Protein backbone atom coordinates (compact mmCIF):
# COMPACT_ATOMS: atom_id res chain seq x y z
CA MET A 1 54.21 -47.94 118.08
CA LYS A 2 51.23 -46.01 116.36
CA ARG A 3 50.38 -44.34 119.51
CA LEU A 4 53.91 -43.13 119.89
CA LYS A 5 53.78 -41.92 116.27
CA LYS A 6 50.65 -39.73 116.94
CA LEU A 7 52.13 -38.08 120.00
CA LEU A 8 55.22 -37.26 117.79
CA VAL A 9 53.01 -35.75 115.07
CA MET A 10 50.98 -33.62 117.67
CA ALA A 11 54.32 -32.38 119.17
CA MET A 12 55.45 -31.51 115.64
CA MET A 13 52.22 -29.52 114.74
CA ALA A 14 52.51 -27.61 118.06
CA LEU A 15 56.06 -26.71 117.29
CA LEU A 16 55.06 -25.46 113.74
CA LEU A 17 52.14 -23.40 115.05
CA CYS A 18 54.00 -21.65 117.81
CA SER A 19 57.30 -20.95 116.16
CA ASN A 20 56.12 -20.65 112.22
CA VAL A 21 58.87 -23.19 111.55
CA THR A 22 58.15 -26.33 109.61
CA THR A 23 59.98 -29.34 110.93
CA VAL A 24 59.72 -32.57 108.90
CA LEU A 25 60.29 -35.67 110.97
CA ALA A 26 61.29 -38.85 109.34
CA ASP A 27 58.57 -41.71 109.68
CA GLU A 28 59.33 -45.26 110.50
CA THR A 29 59.51 -47.49 107.61
CA GLY A 30 56.47 -49.43 106.99
CA TYR A 31 54.03 -46.89 108.35
CA GLU A 32 50.82 -46.74 106.14
CA ALA A 33 50.75 -43.01 104.89
CA ALA A 34 48.00 -41.26 102.88
CA SER A 35 48.16 -41.43 99.14
CA ASP A 36 49.51 -38.52 97.06
CA GLU A 37 45.89 -37.94 95.85
CA ALA A 38 44.59 -37.52 99.48
CA ARG A 39 47.44 -35.18 100.34
CA ASP A 40 46.81 -33.06 97.24
CA ARG A 41 43.14 -32.98 98.08
CA ILE A 42 43.69 -31.68 101.64
CA ARG A 43 46.22 -29.08 100.61
CA GLY A 44 43.66 -27.82 97.99
CA SER A 45 41.02 -27.63 100.88
CA LEU A 46 43.35 -25.50 102.96
CA ASN A 47 44.23 -23.30 99.96
CA ARG A 48 40.64 -22.56 99.27
CA TYR A 49 39.76 -21.80 102.85
CA TYR A 50 42.81 -19.40 103.34
CA SER A 51 41.84 -17.58 100.02
CA ASP A 52 38.31 -17.13 101.27
CA LEU A 53 39.48 -16.05 104.66
CA LYS A 54 41.54 -13.10 103.06
CA MET A 55 38.79 -12.33 100.50
CA ILE A 56 35.98 -11.83 102.91
CA ASN A 57 37.77 -10.18 105.79
CA LYS A 58 39.66 -6.94 105.92
CA ILE A 59 43.03 -7.76 107.36
CA SER A 60 46.16 -5.72 108.02
CA ASP A 61 49.23 -6.15 105.84
CA GLU A 62 51.28 -7.13 108.78
CA THR A 63 48.84 -9.82 110.01
CA ILE A 64 48.66 -11.17 106.32
CA LYS A 65 52.58 -11.64 106.36
CA LYS A 66 52.23 -13.62 109.58
CA MET A 67 49.46 -15.80 108.12
CA ASP A 68 51.16 -16.34 104.83
CA LYS A 69 54.18 -17.70 106.95
CA ILE A 70 52.08 -20.19 108.74
CA TYR A 71 50.08 -21.11 105.58
CA ASN A 72 53.28 -21.83 103.51
CA SER A 73 54.83 -23.71 106.18
CA ALA A 74 51.76 -25.93 106.54
CA MET A 75 51.34 -26.36 102.70
CA ASN A 76 55.05 -27.57 102.59
CA TYR A 77 54.58 -29.99 105.50
CA LEU A 78 51.35 -31.48 103.92
CA LYS A 79 53.03 -32.06 100.85
CA GLY A 80 55.79 -34.51 102.18
CA ALA A 81 54.18 -35.61 105.62
CA ASN A 82 54.02 -39.34 105.90
CA LEU A 83 50.77 -39.39 107.81
CA SER A 84 47.53 -41.11 107.45
CA GLU A 85 44.56 -39.14 105.83
CA SER A 86 42.70 -38.70 109.15
CA GLU A 87 45.98 -37.30 110.69
CA LEU A 88 46.46 -34.94 107.74
CA LYS A 89 42.81 -33.64 108.05
CA SER A 90 43.35 -33.18 111.79
CA TYR A 91 46.36 -31.05 111.07
CA GLU A 92 44.58 -29.02 108.54
CA SER A 93 41.66 -28.31 111.15
CA GLN A 94 44.26 -27.04 113.57
CA VAL A 95 46.05 -24.78 110.93
CA ARG A 96 42.59 -23.31 110.11
CA GLY A 97 41.97 -22.48 113.71
CA TYR A 98 45.35 -20.98 114.04
CA LEU A 99 44.60 -18.78 111.02
CA ASP A 100 41.18 -17.86 112.28
CA ASN A 101 42.76 -16.57 115.56
CA TYR A 102 44.94 -14.29 113.54
CA VAL A 103 41.81 -12.68 111.89
CA LYS A 104 40.14 -12.41 115.31
CA ASP A 105 43.15 -10.78 116.91
CA ASP A 106 43.50 -8.35 114.10
CA LYS A 107 42.12 -5.04 115.55
CA LEU A 108 41.10 -3.54 112.28
CA GLU A 109 37.40 -3.39 111.92
CA PHE A 110 35.53 -4.75 109.03
CA GLY A 111 35.31 -1.37 106.99
CA SER A 112 31.96 -0.09 105.86
CA THR A 113 33.68 2.11 103.13
CA GLU A 114 35.13 -0.79 101.24
CA LYS A 115 33.51 -2.00 97.97
CA PHE A 116 32.31 -5.53 98.13
CA LEU A 117 30.22 -5.49 94.87
CA MET A 118 32.27 -7.85 92.41
CA LEU A 119 32.02 -10.04 89.43
CA SER A 120 31.81 -13.70 89.81
CA ASN A 121 34.73 -15.51 88.15
CA GLU A 122 32.35 -18.31 86.89
CA VAL A 123 31.20 -16.41 83.89
CA PRO A 124 33.52 -16.78 80.91
CA ILE A 125 34.35 -13.96 78.44
CA GLN A 126 31.91 -13.79 75.62
CA THR A 127 32.87 -13.66 71.90
CA ALA A 128 30.70 -11.66 69.21
CA GLU A 129 31.04 -10.75 65.51
CA TYR A 130 30.60 -7.53 63.87
CA ASN A 131 26.92 -6.65 62.76
CA GLN A 132 25.53 -9.22 65.20
CA GLN A 133 23.77 -9.06 68.47
CA THR A 134 25.13 -10.17 71.69
CA PHE A 135 23.98 -10.47 75.24
CA VAL A 136 26.38 -9.05 77.87
CA VAL A 137 25.97 -10.36 81.29
CA LEU A 138 27.25 -9.09 84.66
CA SER A 139 27.17 -11.85 87.56
CA LEU A 140 27.51 -9.92 90.73
CA ILE A 141 28.27 -11.14 94.10
CA ASN A 142 28.47 -9.71 97.46
CA LEU A 143 31.61 -10.39 99.33
CA GLY A 144 30.70 -8.30 102.33
CA LYS A 145 29.02 -9.21 105.64
CA SER A 146 25.87 -7.15 105.29
CA ASP A 147 23.24 -6.73 102.55
CA ILE A 148 23.90 -4.58 99.43
CA LYS A 149 20.78 -2.86 98.45
CA ASP A 150 19.30 -0.59 95.73
CA VAL A 151 22.12 -1.34 93.18
CA VAL A 152 22.08 0.79 89.97
CA ILE A 153 24.26 -0.36 87.21
CA THR A 154 25.03 1.93 84.30
CA PRO A 155 27.15 1.03 81.12
CA SER A 156 29.77 3.58 80.62
CA VAL A 157 29.11 4.04 76.85
CA SER A 158 31.93 5.78 74.97
CA SER A 159 32.28 7.13 71.25
CA GLU A 160 35.84 6.00 71.37
CA GLU A 161 36.37 3.02 69.08
CA ASP A 162 38.65 1.21 71.43
CA LYS A 163 36.41 1.53 74.45
CA TRP A 164 32.94 0.65 73.29
CA PRO A 165 32.48 -1.78 70.25
CA PHE A 166 28.60 -1.73 70.28
CA VAL A 167 26.18 0.59 68.40
CA ILE A 168 25.07 3.48 70.74
CA GLN A 169 21.24 3.30 70.73
CA GLN A 170 20.46 5.43 73.92
CA ALA A 171 22.19 7.59 76.25
CA TYR A 172 21.22 6.03 79.43
CA ASP A 173 20.51 2.36 79.99
CA ALA A 174 20.64 1.61 83.76
CA GLN A 175 19.44 -1.55 85.27
CA CYS A 176 18.60 -2.03 88.91
CA ILE A 177 18.95 -4.82 91.59
CA PRO A 178 16.99 -4.53 94.84
CA LEU A 179 19.21 -6.73 96.92
CA ILE A 180 22.49 -8.81 96.82
CA GLN A 181 22.88 -10.91 99.94
CA PRO A 182 26.17 -11.42 101.73
CA ALA A 183 28.27 -14.53 101.53
CA SER A 184 30.24 -16.53 104.17
CA SER A 185 32.53 -17.82 101.40
CA THR A 186 33.19 -17.57 97.68
CA ALA A 187 31.27 -20.79 97.11
CA ASP A 188 28.26 -19.32 99.03
CA ALA A 189 28.72 -15.95 97.10
CA PHE A 190 28.21 -18.00 93.74
CA THR A 191 24.97 -19.31 95.01
CA LYS A 192 23.68 -15.88 95.80
CA ARG A 193 24.82 -14.06 92.98
CA MET A 194 22.61 -11.80 90.80
CA ASP A 195 22.77 -11.69 87.07
CA ILE A 196 21.75 -8.79 84.97
CA GLY A 197 22.31 -8.20 81.08
CA TRP A 198 22.08 -6.03 78.09
CA MET A 199 21.53 -6.74 74.46
CA TYR A 200 23.97 -4.89 72.14
CA THR A 201 24.63 -4.87 68.45
CA VAL A 202 28.43 -4.94 67.48
CA LYS A 203 29.28 -2.18 65.17
CA GLU A 204 30.05 -2.81 61.58
CA ASP A 205 33.52 -1.13 61.74
CA ALA A 206 34.53 -2.70 65.16
CA LYS A 207 38.08 -3.88 65.02
CA SER A 208 38.94 -7.29 66.32
CA GLY A 209 40.19 -7.72 69.88
CA CYS A 210 39.22 -7.96 73.49
CA TYR A 211 37.35 -4.97 74.63
CA PRO A 212 37.12 -3.71 78.31
CA LEU A 213 33.58 -2.95 79.17
CA THR A 214 33.17 -0.64 82.23
CA PHE A 215 29.93 -0.41 84.17
CA HIS A 216 29.25 2.09 86.95
CA ALA A 217 27.54 0.75 90.10
CA GLN A 218 25.79 2.73 92.86
CA TYR A 219 24.50 1.14 95.88
CA TYR A 220 23.80 1.31 99.64
CA GLN A 221 25.49 -0.93 102.27
CA ASP A 222 24.86 -0.39 105.97
CA ASP A 223 22.87 2.83 104.88
CA LYS A 224 26.01 4.31 103.35
CA PHE A 225 26.07 5.14 99.57
CA THR A 226 28.90 3.63 97.69
CA GLU A 227 30.03 4.06 93.94
CA THR A 228 32.45 1.77 92.16
CA ASP A 229 33.22 0.79 88.57
CA ILE A 230 32.95 -2.88 87.37
CA THR A 231 34.83 -4.01 84.42
CA THR A 232 34.25 -7.20 82.29
CA TYR A 233 35.58 -8.09 78.83
CA ILE A 234 34.44 -9.37 75.49
CA ASN A 235 36.21 -10.68 72.48
CA ILE A 236 35.06 -9.04 69.20
CA ILE A 237 35.70 -10.53 65.85
CA GLY A 238 35.56 -7.71 63.45
CA ASN A 239 35.62 -7.44 59.65
CA PRO A 240 39.31 -8.15 58.69
CA GLU A 241 39.23 -4.95 56.62
CA ASN A 242 39.03 -2.86 59.86
CA GLY A 243 42.13 -4.28 61.50
CA LYS A 244 42.81 -5.19 65.04
CA LEU A 245 42.42 -3.21 68.25
CA GLY A 246 45.42 -1.28 69.31
CA GLU A 247 46.92 -0.99 65.59
CA ASP A 248 46.45 2.63 65.63
CA SER A 249 48.59 3.37 68.56
CA LYS A 250 51.28 1.21 66.87
CA GLU A 251 50.82 3.44 63.65
CA ASP A 252 51.10 6.55 65.70
CA GLU A 253 54.86 5.46 66.43
CA LYS A 254 55.50 5.41 62.70
CA LYS A 255 56.57 8.32 60.82
CA SER A 256 53.95 10.81 59.84
CA LYS A 257 51.89 10.23 56.65
CA PRO A 258 53.66 11.98 53.65
CA ARG A 259 51.68 14.42 51.51
CA ILE A 260 52.29 15.74 48.05
CA ILE A 261 50.78 19.11 47.34
CA VAL A 262 50.68 21.18 44.08
CA THR A 263 52.67 24.45 44.65
CA GLY A 264 52.00 26.19 41.40
CA TYR A 265 52.05 25.83 37.45
CA THR A 266 53.24 27.77 34.48
CA THR A 267 52.35 27.55 30.79
CA SER A 268 54.24 28.32 27.60
CA PRO A 269 53.09 30.38 26.09
CA GLU A 270 51.58 32.36 28.90
CA THR A 271 48.25 33.23 27.23
CA ILE A 272 46.50 30.20 25.75
CA PHE A 273 44.08 30.50 23.05
CA ALA A 274 41.59 27.81 21.90
CA GLY A 275 42.79 25.53 19.36
CA SER A 276 46.42 26.05 20.33
CA VAL A 277 49.05 23.92 21.65
CA PHE A 278 50.91 24.78 24.96
CA ASP A 279 53.39 23.16 27.41
CA LEU A 280 51.98 22.83 30.97
CA THR A 281 54.51 22.47 33.85
CA VAL A 282 53.15 21.59 37.25
CA LYS A 283 55.23 21.96 40.35
CA VAL A 284 54.61 19.44 43.26
CA GLN A 285 56.29 19.19 46.68
CA ASN A 286 56.83 16.37 49.25
CA THR A 287 55.63 18.20 52.43
CA SER A 288 57.08 15.54 54.69
CA LYS A 289 60.24 16.47 56.53
CA GLU A 290 61.22 12.91 57.32
CA THR A 291 59.55 10.42 54.90
CA ALA A 292 60.50 10.17 51.06
CA VAL A 293 57.80 9.00 48.58
CA GLN A 294 58.38 6.61 45.71
CA ASN A 295 56.67 5.02 42.73
CA VAL A 296 54.66 8.36 42.16
CA LEU A 297 52.13 8.41 39.41
CA PHE A 298 50.55 11.61 38.37
CA ASN A 299 47.49 11.42 36.06
CA LEU A 300 46.33 14.77 34.62
CA GLU A 301 42.50 14.87 33.99
CA ALA A 302 40.96 17.84 32.37
CA THR A 303 37.40 19.00 32.69
CA VAL A 304 34.96 17.32 30.44
CA GLU A 305 32.92 19.59 28.17
CA GLY A 306 29.57 18.82 26.20
CA ASN A 307 26.02 18.48 26.89
CA ASP A 308 25.55 14.84 26.43
CA SER A 309 27.61 11.69 26.24
CA THR A 310 28.05 11.64 22.41
CA ALA A 311 29.37 15.29 22.47
CA ALA A 312 31.45 14.97 25.69
CA TYR A 313 35.27 15.49 25.40
CA ALA A 314 38.07 16.70 27.58
CA ALA A 315 38.92 20.40 27.36
CA PHE A 316 42.71 19.56 27.01
CA LEU A 317 44.30 16.57 25.40
CA PRO A 318 47.89 15.41 25.73
CA THR A 319 49.60 15.55 22.34
CA SER A 320 51.42 12.35 23.26
CA GLY A 321 48.34 10.41 23.95
CA SER A 322 49.07 9.75 27.50
CA SER A 323 48.26 12.15 30.47
CA ALA A 324 50.31 10.16 33.03
CA VAL A 325 53.68 11.13 34.41
CA TYR A 326 56.00 8.92 36.62
CA ALA A 327 58.51 9.86 39.29
CA GLU A 328 60.61 7.24 40.89
CA SER A 329 61.10 9.24 44.04
CA ILE A 330 60.63 12.58 45.76
CA ALA A 331 62.73 13.26 48.71
CA PRO A 332 61.46 14.93 51.99
CA GLY A 333 60.78 18.59 51.23
CA GLN A 334 61.88 18.32 47.57
CA THR A 335 59.93 20.03 44.70
CA TYR A 336 59.41 17.97 41.59
CA GLU A 337 58.44 19.60 38.20
CA MET A 338 56.58 17.72 35.52
CA THR A 339 55.97 19.01 32.05
CA ILE A 340 53.44 17.79 29.52
CA GLU A 341 52.38 19.10 26.15
CA MET A 342 48.70 19.72 25.78
CA GLU A 343 46.23 20.76 23.00
CA VAL A 344 43.19 22.89 23.57
CA LYS A 345 39.95 22.08 21.87
CA SER A 346 39.08 24.87 19.39
CA ASP A 347 35.58 25.35 20.28
CA LEU A 348 36.08 26.16 24.10
CA ALA A 349 34.38 29.13 25.44
CA GLN A 350 36.66 31.78 26.84
CA LYS A 351 36.94 31.05 30.64
CA PRO A 352 39.01 29.19 33.31
CA TYR A 353 39.16 25.26 32.90
CA VAL A 354 39.81 22.91 35.77
CA LEU A 355 42.71 20.43 35.50
CA THR A 356 42.60 17.67 38.08
CA VAL A 357 46.07 16.17 39.14
CA ASN A 358 45.66 12.68 40.74
CA MET A 359 48.56 11.49 42.67
CA GLN A 360 49.32 7.79 43.70
CA TYR A 361 52.45 7.18 45.70
CA GLU A 362 54.04 4.97 48.41
CA ASP A 363 56.16 5.71 51.48
CA GLU A 364 59.44 4.05 52.53
CA ASP A 365 57.44 1.06 53.94
CA CYS A 366 55.54 0.61 50.82
CA ALA A 367 52.26 1.93 52.30
CA GLU A 368 50.03 3.34 49.63
CA TYR A 369 48.53 6.79 49.56
CA SER A 370 46.49 8.89 47.17
CA ASP A 371 45.62 12.55 46.73
CA THR A 372 44.36 14.94 44.34
CA ALA A 373 44.89 18.62 43.55
CA LYS A 374 43.27 21.00 41.03
CA VAL A 375 44.64 23.86 39.03
CA SER A 376 42.66 26.40 37.02
CA ILE A 377 43.98 27.30 33.55
CA PRO A 378 42.35 30.22 31.66
CA ILE A 379 41.72 29.71 27.97
CA LYS A 380 41.18 32.76 25.60
CA GLN A 381 39.16 32.80 22.44
CA GLU A 382 40.92 35.12 19.81
CA ALA A 383 38.72 37.96 19.00
CA LYS A 384 37.69 38.34 15.33
CA ILE A 385 35.81 41.28 13.69
CA ASP A 386 34.83 42.04 10.17
CA THR A 387 33.08 45.14 8.62
CA GLY A 388 30.67 45.58 5.76
CA SER A 389 31.07 48.09 2.91
CA ALA A 390 30.50 51.78 3.98
CA ASP A 391 27.69 53.92 2.63
CA VAL A 392 28.79 57.43 2.50
CA MET A 393 25.92 60.18 1.79
CA PRO A 394 26.92 62.23 -0.03
CA GLU A 395 30.36 60.98 -1.04
CA SER A 396 31.65 64.45 -1.85
CA ILE A 397 31.33 67.51 0.39
CA ALA A 398 32.62 70.97 0.60
CA VAL A 399 34.33 72.36 3.74
CA GLY A 400 31.91 72.89 6.29
CA GLU A 401 29.36 70.47 4.95
CA GLN A 402 28.51 66.94 6.61
CA SER A 403 28.27 63.55 5.28
CA ASN A 404 26.65 60.48 6.81
CA VAL A 405 28.78 57.20 7.01
CA MET A 406 27.11 53.97 7.71
CA PHE A 407 28.61 50.41 7.92
CA SER A 408 28.18 47.15 10.04
CA VAL A 409 30.84 45.56 12.33
CA PHE A 410 30.38 41.89 12.67
CA ASN A 411 31.77 39.69 15.59
CA THR A 412 33.06 36.67 13.75
CA GLY A 413 34.87 35.11 16.90
CA LYS A 414 33.66 33.17 19.74
CA THR A 415 34.14 35.81 22.38
CA THR A 416 32.34 38.93 23.34
CA LEU A 417 33.67 42.19 22.08
CA TYR A 418 33.36 44.74 24.95
CA ASN A 419 33.15 48.55 24.81
CA VAL A 420 33.08 48.72 20.92
CA LYS A 421 33.72 52.35 19.57
CA VAL A 422 34.27 53.87 16.22
CA SER A 423 36.07 57.03 15.38
CA TYR A 424 37.63 58.55 12.18
CA GLU A 425 41.28 59.62 11.71
CA SER A 426 41.81 62.28 8.82
CA ASP A 427 43.10 65.78 8.50
CA THR A 428 40.18 66.69 6.42
CA ILE A 429 37.16 65.81 8.52
CA GLU A 430 36.38 65.76 12.13
CA SER A 431 33.89 63.58 14.04
CA GLY A 432 32.67 62.45 17.39
CA ILE A 433 32.94 58.89 18.74
CA THR A 434 30.23 56.43 17.81
CA TYR A 435 29.61 53.92 20.76
CA LEU A 436 28.21 50.40 19.88
CA GLY A 437 28.60 48.86 23.40
CA ASN A 438 29.15 45.05 23.68
CA ILE A 439 28.89 42.88 20.61
CA ALA A 440 28.26 39.07 21.39
CA PRO A 441 29.66 36.24 19.34
CA GLY A 442 27.96 36.24 15.89
CA ALA A 443 26.11 39.47 16.47
CA THR A 444 26.42 42.71 14.47
CA GLY A 445 26.82 46.39 15.36
CA ASN A 446 25.59 49.10 13.10
CA VAL A 447 27.67 52.28 12.71
CA ASP A 448 25.82 55.64 11.97
CA SER A 449 28.20 58.59 11.98
CA MET A 450 28.00 62.15 10.81
CA VAL A 451 31.49 63.66 9.74
CA THR A 452 32.07 67.36 9.00
CA GLY A 453 34.65 68.54 6.22
CA ILE A 454 37.23 71.02 7.75
CA ALA A 455 39.98 71.03 5.00
CA PRO A 456 40.13 70.21 1.21
CA ASP A 457 41.64 66.82 0.39
CA MET A 458 44.29 66.85 -2.16
CA GLY A 459 44.78 63.22 -2.33
CA GLU A 460 42.37 60.33 -3.12
CA GLY A 461 39.79 61.21 -0.37
CA ILE A 462 40.39 58.28 1.69
CA VAL A 463 39.26 58.44 5.53
CA LYS A 464 40.40 55.93 8.08
CA ALA A 465 37.65 54.42 10.46
CA VAL A 466 39.09 53.09 13.60
CA VAL A 467 37.03 50.37 15.55
CA THR A 468 38.47 49.69 19.07
CA TYR A 469 37.17 47.12 21.61
CA GLU A 470 38.30 45.48 24.79
CA ASP A 471 38.61 41.89 26.09
CA GLU A 472 37.31 40.58 29.39
CA ALA A 473 40.39 41.94 31.11
CA GLY A 474 39.92 45.53 29.71
CA ASN A 475 42.87 45.01 27.16
CA PRO A 476 42.04 47.29 24.09
CA THR A 477 42.45 46.19 20.57
CA ARG A 478 42.44 48.31 17.45
CA TYR A 479 40.99 47.57 14.00
CA GLU A 480 41.20 49.91 11.06
CA LYS A 481 39.01 50.21 7.96
CA ASP A 482 39.52 52.62 5.10
């Protein structure tokens, strides 16, 4: 009976291998078959053999399709065949031979231009943390049929944060392997593998994620030069504040970042003097065409004056005591005006003073933003002058005679008087112009003029002296003294 069963099995295998059709024959009840564990072991052996066969040989797609049909049929049969373990092994051996014949009959030559330098799959992906050193290992195997020689491996260093998570210490960091021997199977390739490695420091600002690391390989095989790229991976645990790899690309899909800019300002009154109170209106605009901003907080901060900490003070102070202005929202493209009453310190020098506008706001997704802008506000000091008593020698003259007039001009303000000149207005005398030049704050200009009588005075003999001066912008001012 057993002999008959063996003959049936052999006939069945012959039918399978010739027609590529799996035929499952029912076995007689009571026949002692191989265990499920044995069948799985034999199926695994055939699976590894077929995988190695395709890996280390260049086979045409048409032949692979034929081999796949035989392989799949055999695997299905081995799963349910009610045969002894030795009979299953014999069947596996015949299937292997049949697959080998397909490879031999394939007329495509084993190409010398193919790339056979690969990474071993026995090395797991490493994990490294930011600011720490890690050793990146490449475990290289040769899946060809000839030696791979003079291998030069160079890391493809990149400054892009999503491609290279390590500190760049040198521009070129190549390593060499003299020889990698060929392998007859993947198991043999693992025993002949060659390992090389690099020590790197993970960047402080590296993001968390799995990074691809690309290495460029150059080598000779059968006296022909070949180049290829080899890619491995590493898991980086970055500082949580730096985010995760790939988040930037997601953010790019969001709306653009809204920005608020200061478009201008006005004051009331237009000219501001030290020691005065004025209304400041600042105009801001949401430049985004799509995104509204909300919870907008403006804080106006004036320039700090003074030479030491005890004398330091802000040039402008809000009369209400608070320099903050709140806006609930500003629509896309909308202009918003805020007005605040400010008081100017009385002892400021005449010059422009910077007012900083600090802005904090959120977009529609409650993402927080901040920005600053500056405006320049010119402050004027009111010009103040006074004169001393005049000395007239002689006090009375006849027509055609001259008299000497002398008096002092005092700059009692806190701004410079520019182009100070003195002239006299009267129908009884004539004179030239006395030029005093510029008079600094607190300084004195002395007038020494000669006047000539041209007509008798029938009145009280009062002559009007006119003092004129200019400010920084060249605007003239007139001061009269009798």
